[in-house]
Amino acid sequence: TVLVLFVIFLAREILEVRRQDSFIDSVTHELKSPLASLLLMVQTLQRHHLDELRRGELLEMMADDIDRLSVFVDDVLVASRVAFGKTTHRLAEVNLEELINQCIVRVTKRYKLGGDGVQANIPEGFTLNTDETLLEVILNNLLDNAVKYSDKPVEVRLDVSRSAPAKIQINVSDNGIGIPKASQKRVFDRFYRVPGEEVNMRRGTGLGLFVVASLVKSLDGQVKASEGLQGRGTTMSVVLPTDKQVAS
């Protein structure tokens, strides 16, 4: 029995080390790519006399790379805090429609989508008492993942409904590569990425859904990935209380 338990423990440790190695490789890529791009564009601005149109294009590209770095750093910092149980709450009344629209504008701009790339169905004037900052991080990660793993043309839909008198459900659906049934729970593990070429072709660190699951749990909610065959898209469902209470 001791030997069996030891082997199980050792296997888990080996898997965790492999995940961390994969995470480090992803971090290196996530940092080096935009930094190399920024350096090249700065050198171009320094060495060449460009017209205003070309300068504007380069500056916009630099702003995109900075936004990408900022989002990545925020995800790493949030993941670090939730992993060590350092999440705090600042509860306030949140206008859900306004917050979701802000998140949609952000992800639409980041991926340069058309106006109909992300559609939302939200009850007008819907509010809830929760932590707006944490909810914004959850929505940003769900929308970013939905777009990132979608096939073109991107078709992402966000639906909000009441799942119970004091609970709301937020569904984020895409037309992407889907998640195999065996991975539908594991995608919320830290550093985990679904094995496969289609996933490896897309940038990522395996932190986004871990952050989502951790923050949803801290807000007394639940999150799950839809069932279905790989290649038929994914629906991420988040259920939250409409009135989050301060933990005693």
Protein backbone atom coordinates (compact mmCIF):
# COMPACT_ATOMS: atom_id res chain seq x y z
CA THR A 1 0.00 0.00 0.00
CA VAL A 2 2.83 2.38 0.86
CA LEU A 3 4.55 1.65 -2.45
CA VAL A 4 1.34 2.23 -4.42
CA LEU A 5 0.72 5.55 -2.66
CA PHE A 6 4.33 6.56 -3.25
CA VAL A 7 4.08 5.76 -6.98
CA ILE A 8 0.85 7.77 -7.26
CA PHE A 9 2.46 10.71 -5.45
CA LEU A 10 5.56 10.49 -7.67
CA ALA A 11 3.48 10.37 -10.85
CA ARG A 12 1.54 13.47 -9.79
CA GLU A 13 4.78 15.30 -9.00
CA ILE A 14 6.22 14.41 -12.41
CA LEU A 15 3.07 15.69 -14.13
CA GLU A 16 3.22 18.92 -12.12
CA VAL A 17 6.87 19.45 -13.08
CA ARG A 18 6.02 18.90 -16.73
CA ARG A 19 3.17 21.41 -16.50
CA GLN A 20 5.48 23.96 -14.90
CA ASP A 21 8.10 23.39 -17.59
CA SER A 22 5.43 23.94 -20.23
CA PHE A 23 4.29 27.06 -18.39
CA ILE A 24 7.85 28.45 -18.34
CA ASP A 25 8.17 27.83 -22.09
CA SER A 26 4.86 29.62 -22.65
CA VAL A 27 5.89 32.53 -20.43
CA THR A 28 9.16 32.89 -22.32
CA HIS A 29 7.28 33.03 -25.62
CA GLU A 30 4.61 35.40 -24.27
CA LEU A 31 7.30 37.83 -23.09
CA LYS A 32 9.86 37.56 -25.88
CA SER A 33 7.48 37.90 -28.84
CA PRO A 34 5.94 41.30 -27.97
CA LEU A 35 9.24 42.61 -26.58
CA ALA A 36 11.06 41.70 -29.80
CA SER A 37 8.26 43.31 -31.80
CA LEU A 38 8.41 46.50 -29.69
CA LEU A 39 12.19 46.71 -30.04
CA LEU A 40 11.97 46.36 -33.82
CA MET A 41 9.34 49.08 -34.10
CA VAL A 42 11.26 51.46 -31.82
CA GLN A 43 14.38 50.95 -33.93
CA THR A 44 12.35 51.60 -37.08
CA LEU A 45 11.04 54.88 -35.64
CA GLN A 46 14.57 55.89 -34.63
CA ARG A 47 16.32 55.08 -37.90
CA HIS A 48 13.79 56.09 -40.52
CA HIS A 49 11.91 59.24 -41.39
CA LEU A 50 8.37 58.02 -41.70
CA ASP A 51 5.24 59.87 -42.76
CA GLU A 52 2.49 60.44 -40.21
CA LEU A 53 0.36 57.58 -41.50
CA ARG A 54 3.13 55.02 -41.14
CA ARG A 55 4.16 56.37 -37.74
CA GLY A 56 0.55 56.10 -36.59
CA GLU A 57 0.38 52.47 -37.74
CA LEU A 58 3.57 51.59 -35.85
CA LEU A 59 2.38 53.34 -32.70
CA GLU A 60 -0.93 51.45 -32.85
CA MET A 61 0.96 48.15 -33.22
CA MET A 62 3.12 49.08 -30.23
CA ALA A 63 0.03 49.85 -28.17
CA ASP A 64 -1.38 46.40 -29.09
CA ASP A 65 1.82 44.69 -27.92
CA ILE A 66 1.80 46.65 -24.67
CA ASP A 67 -1.83 45.68 -24.08
CA ARG A 68 -0.93 42.04 -24.70
CA LEU A 69 1.91 42.24 -22.17
CA SER A 70 -0.31 44.00 -19.64
CA VAL A 71 -3.04 41.34 -19.90
CA PHE A 72 -0.46 38.58 -19.55
CA VAL A 73 1.17 40.14 -16.47
CA ASP A 74 -2.25 40.70 -14.88
CA ASP A 75 -3.15 37.03 -15.40
CA VAL A 76 0.10 35.84 -13.81
CA LEU A 77 -0.32 38.16 -10.82
CA VAL A 78 -3.96 37.18 -10.27
CA ALA A 79 -3.09 33.48 -10.61
CA SER A 80 -0.35 33.90 -8.02
CA ARG A 81 -2.71 35.61 -5.57
CA VAL A 82 -5.51 33.08 -5.89
CA ALA A 83 -3.07 30.15 -5.65
CA PHE A 84 -2.00 31.39 -2.22
CA GLY A 85 -5.50 32.34 -1.08
CA LYS A 86 -4.85 36.08 -1.10
CA THR A 87 -8.03 37.13 -2.92
CA THR A 88 -9.91 39.95 -1.20
CA HIS A 89 -13.39 41.28 -1.97
CA ARG A 90 -14.73 44.80 -2.39
CA LEU A 91 -18.46 44.39 -2.79
CA ALA A 92 -20.59 46.93 -4.62
CA GLU A 93 -23.62 47.14 -6.87
CA VAL A 94 -22.54 46.29 -10.41
CA ASN A 95 -24.43 47.12 -13.61
CA LEU A 96 -23.85 43.87 -15.49
CA GLU A 97 -24.76 45.21 -18.92
CA GLU A 98 -22.26 48.07 -18.69
CA LEU A 99 -19.47 45.80 -17.42
CA ILE A 100 -20.02 43.15 -20.10
CA ASN A 101 -20.11 45.76 -22.87
CA GLN A 102 -16.78 47.17 -21.65
CA CYS A 103 -15.25 43.69 -21.75
CA ILE A 104 -16.63 43.06 -25.25
CA VAL A 105 -15.16 46.32 -26.54
CA ARG A 106 -11.78 45.38 -25.07
CA VAL A 107 -11.62 41.89 -26.58
CA THR A 108 -13.03 43.11 -29.91
CA LYS A 109 -10.29 45.71 -30.15
CA ARG A 110 -7.54 43.30 -29.06
CA TYR A 111 -8.41 40.76 -31.76
CA LYS A 112 -9.57 43.33 -34.33
CA LEU A 113 -12.98 41.72 -34.73
CA GLY A 114 -15.93 43.05 -36.64
CA GLY A 115 -18.93 44.49 -34.87
CA ASP A 116 -20.78 41.15 -34.88
CA GLY A 117 -17.86 38.98 -33.71
CA VAL A 118 -19.12 38.97 -30.12
CA GLN A 119 -22.86 39.19 -29.45
CA ALA A 120 -24.48 39.60 -26.03
CA ASN A 121 -27.96 38.99 -24.65
CA ILE A 122 -28.25 40.75 -21.27
CA PRO A 123 -31.37 41.71 -19.30
CA GLU A 124 -31.61 45.50 -19.33
CA GLY A 125 -30.79 47.20 -16.03
CA PHE A 126 -29.63 43.97 -14.42
CA THR A 127 -27.50 44.57 -11.31
CA LEU A 128 -25.86 42.37 -8.69
CA ASN A 129 -23.92 42.87 -5.50
CA THR A 130 -20.43 41.45 -6.07
CA ASP A 131 -16.78 42.36 -6.57
CA GLU A 132 -16.66 44.25 -9.87
CA THR A 133 -12.89 43.86 -10.36
CA LEU A 134 -12.97 40.09 -9.93
CA LEU A 135 -16.04 39.73 -12.13
CA GLU A 136 -14.31 41.80 -14.83
CA VAL A 137 -11.28 39.48 -14.73
CA ILE A 138 -13.60 36.46 -15.06
CA LEU A 139 -15.44 37.94 -18.06
CA ASN A 140 -12.25 39.10 -19.77
CA ASN A 141 -10.69 35.63 -19.51
CA LEU A 142 -13.82 33.85 -20.72
CA LEU A 143 -14.23 36.14 -23.72
CA ASP A 144 -10.51 36.06 -24.54
CA ASN A 145 -10.49 32.24 -24.47
CA ALA A 146 -13.66 32.04 -26.56
CA VAL A 147 -12.18 34.25 -29.29
CA LYS A 148 -8.69 32.75 -29.13
CA TYR A 149 -9.90 29.18 -29.62
CA SER A 150 -12.56 30.02 -32.21
CA ASP A 151 -12.42 29.25 -35.90
CA LYS A 152 -12.87 32.10 -38.36
CA PRO A 153 -15.21 33.83 -38.77
CA VAL A 154 -15.36 34.27 -35.00
CA GLU A 155 -18.84 33.82 -33.55
CA VAL A 156 -18.93 34.30 -29.78
CA ARG A 157 -22.15 34.71 -27.83
CA LEU A 158 -22.66 35.76 -24.22
CA ASP A 159 -26.03 35.10 -22.60
CA VAL A 160 -27.17 36.18 -19.13
CA SER A 161 -30.21 34.67 -17.40
CA ARG A 162 -31.56 33.92 -13.94
CA SER A 163 -30.86 30.31 -12.98
CA ALA A 164 -32.68 30.77 -9.65
CA PRO A 165 -34.35 33.65 -7.77
CA ALA A 166 -31.04 34.74 -6.22
CA LYS A 167 -28.60 33.49 -8.88
CA ILE A 168 -27.56 34.42 -12.38
CA GLN A 169 -26.01 32.30 -15.10
CA ILE A 170 -23.53 33.65 -17.64
CA ASN A 171 -22.91 31.47 -20.70
CA VAL A 172 -20.04 32.25 -23.09
CA SER A 173 -20.32 30.15 -26.27
CA ASP A 174 -17.99 29.94 -29.27
CA ASN A 175 -17.65 28.12 -32.59
CA GLY A 176 -14.13 26.94 -31.84
CA ILE A 177 -12.12 23.75 -31.56
CA GLY A 178 -14.02 22.44 -28.53
CA ILE A 179 -12.79 20.54 -25.49
CA PRO A 180 -12.57 16.73 -25.33
CA LYS A 181 -14.81 15.23 -22.65
CA ALA A 182 -11.79 13.90 -20.74
CA SER A 183 -10.42 17.44 -20.36
CA GLN A 184 -13.60 19.34 -19.46
CA LYS A 185 -12.76 19.39 -15.76
CA ARG A 186 -8.99 19.49 -16.09
CA VAL A 187 -9.00 22.74 -18.10
CA PHE A 188 -9.55 24.53 -14.77
CA ASP A 189 -6.31 23.12 -13.31
CA ARG A 190 -3.32 25.43 -13.06
CA PHE A 191 -0.92 25.19 -16.06
CA TYR A 192 -3.13 22.62 -17.84
CA ARG A 193 -3.60 22.90 -21.59
CA VAL A 194 -5.51 20.38 -23.69
CA PRO A 195 -3.01 18.22 -25.62
CA GLY A 196 -3.13 18.70 -29.37
CA GLU A 197 -1.77 20.69 -32.26
CA GLU A 198 -4.80 22.98 -32.51
CA VAL A 199 -4.24 24.17 -28.94
CA ASN A 200 -0.46 24.46 -29.29
CA MET A 201 -0.90 26.73 -32.31
CA ARG A 202 -2.60 29.29 -30.08
CA ARG A 203 -0.69 31.26 -27.45
CA GLY A 204 -1.52 30.51 -23.84
CA THR A 205 -0.10 29.58 -20.45
CA GLY A 206 -2.77 27.37 -18.89
CA LEU A 207 -3.66 30.06 -16.35
CA GLY A 208 -6.78 31.72 -17.77
CA LEU A 209 -9.39 29.14 -16.78
CA PHE A 210 -7.59 28.40 -13.52
CA VAL A 211 -8.02 32.08 -12.65
CA VAL A 212 -11.68 31.97 -13.72
CA ALA A 213 -12.46 28.90 -11.61
CA SER A 214 -10.63 30.27 -8.55
CA LEU A 215 -12.32 33.68 -8.70
CA VAL A 216 -15.77 32.19 -9.36
CA LYS A 217 -15.33 29.96 -6.33
CA SER A 218 -14.26 32.94 -4.21
CA LEU A 219 -17.50 34.68 -5.25
CA ASP A 220 -19.52 31.62 -4.06
CA GLY A 221 -20.25 30.53 -7.63
CA GLN A 222 -19.70 27.54 -9.90
CA VAL A 223 -18.20 27.18 -13.38
CA LYS A 224 -18.21 24.32 -15.84
CA ALA A 225 -17.33 23.60 -19.46
CA SER A 226 -19.99 22.27 -21.81
CA GLU A 227 -20.15 18.65 -22.81
CA GLY A 228 -19.83 17.79 -26.47
CA LEU A 229 -17.51 16.54 -29.16
CA GLN A 230 -14.21 18.23 -29.94
CA GLY A 231 -14.50 20.59 -32.88
CA ARG A 232 -18.05 21.74 -32.12
CA GLY A 233 -17.28 24.75 -29.96
CA THR A 234 -17.49 25.26 -26.22
CA THR A 235 -19.87 26.87 -23.77
CA MET A 236 -18.48 28.03 -20.44
CA SER A 237 -21.21 28.43 -17.82
CA VAL A 238 -20.77 30.54 -14.69
CA VAL A 239 -23.41 30.69 -11.96
CA LEU A 240 -23.09 33.47 -9.36
CA PRO A 241 -25.23 34.73 -6.49
CA THR A 242 -26.88 38.06 -7.18
CA ASP A 243 -26.00 39.20 -3.64
CA LYS A 244 -22.53 38.07 -2.58
CA GLN A 245 -22.18 38.18 1.21
CA VAL A 246 -19.06 39.13 3.09
CA ALA A 247 -17.39 36.01 4.49
CA SER A 248 -17.52 35.84 8.27
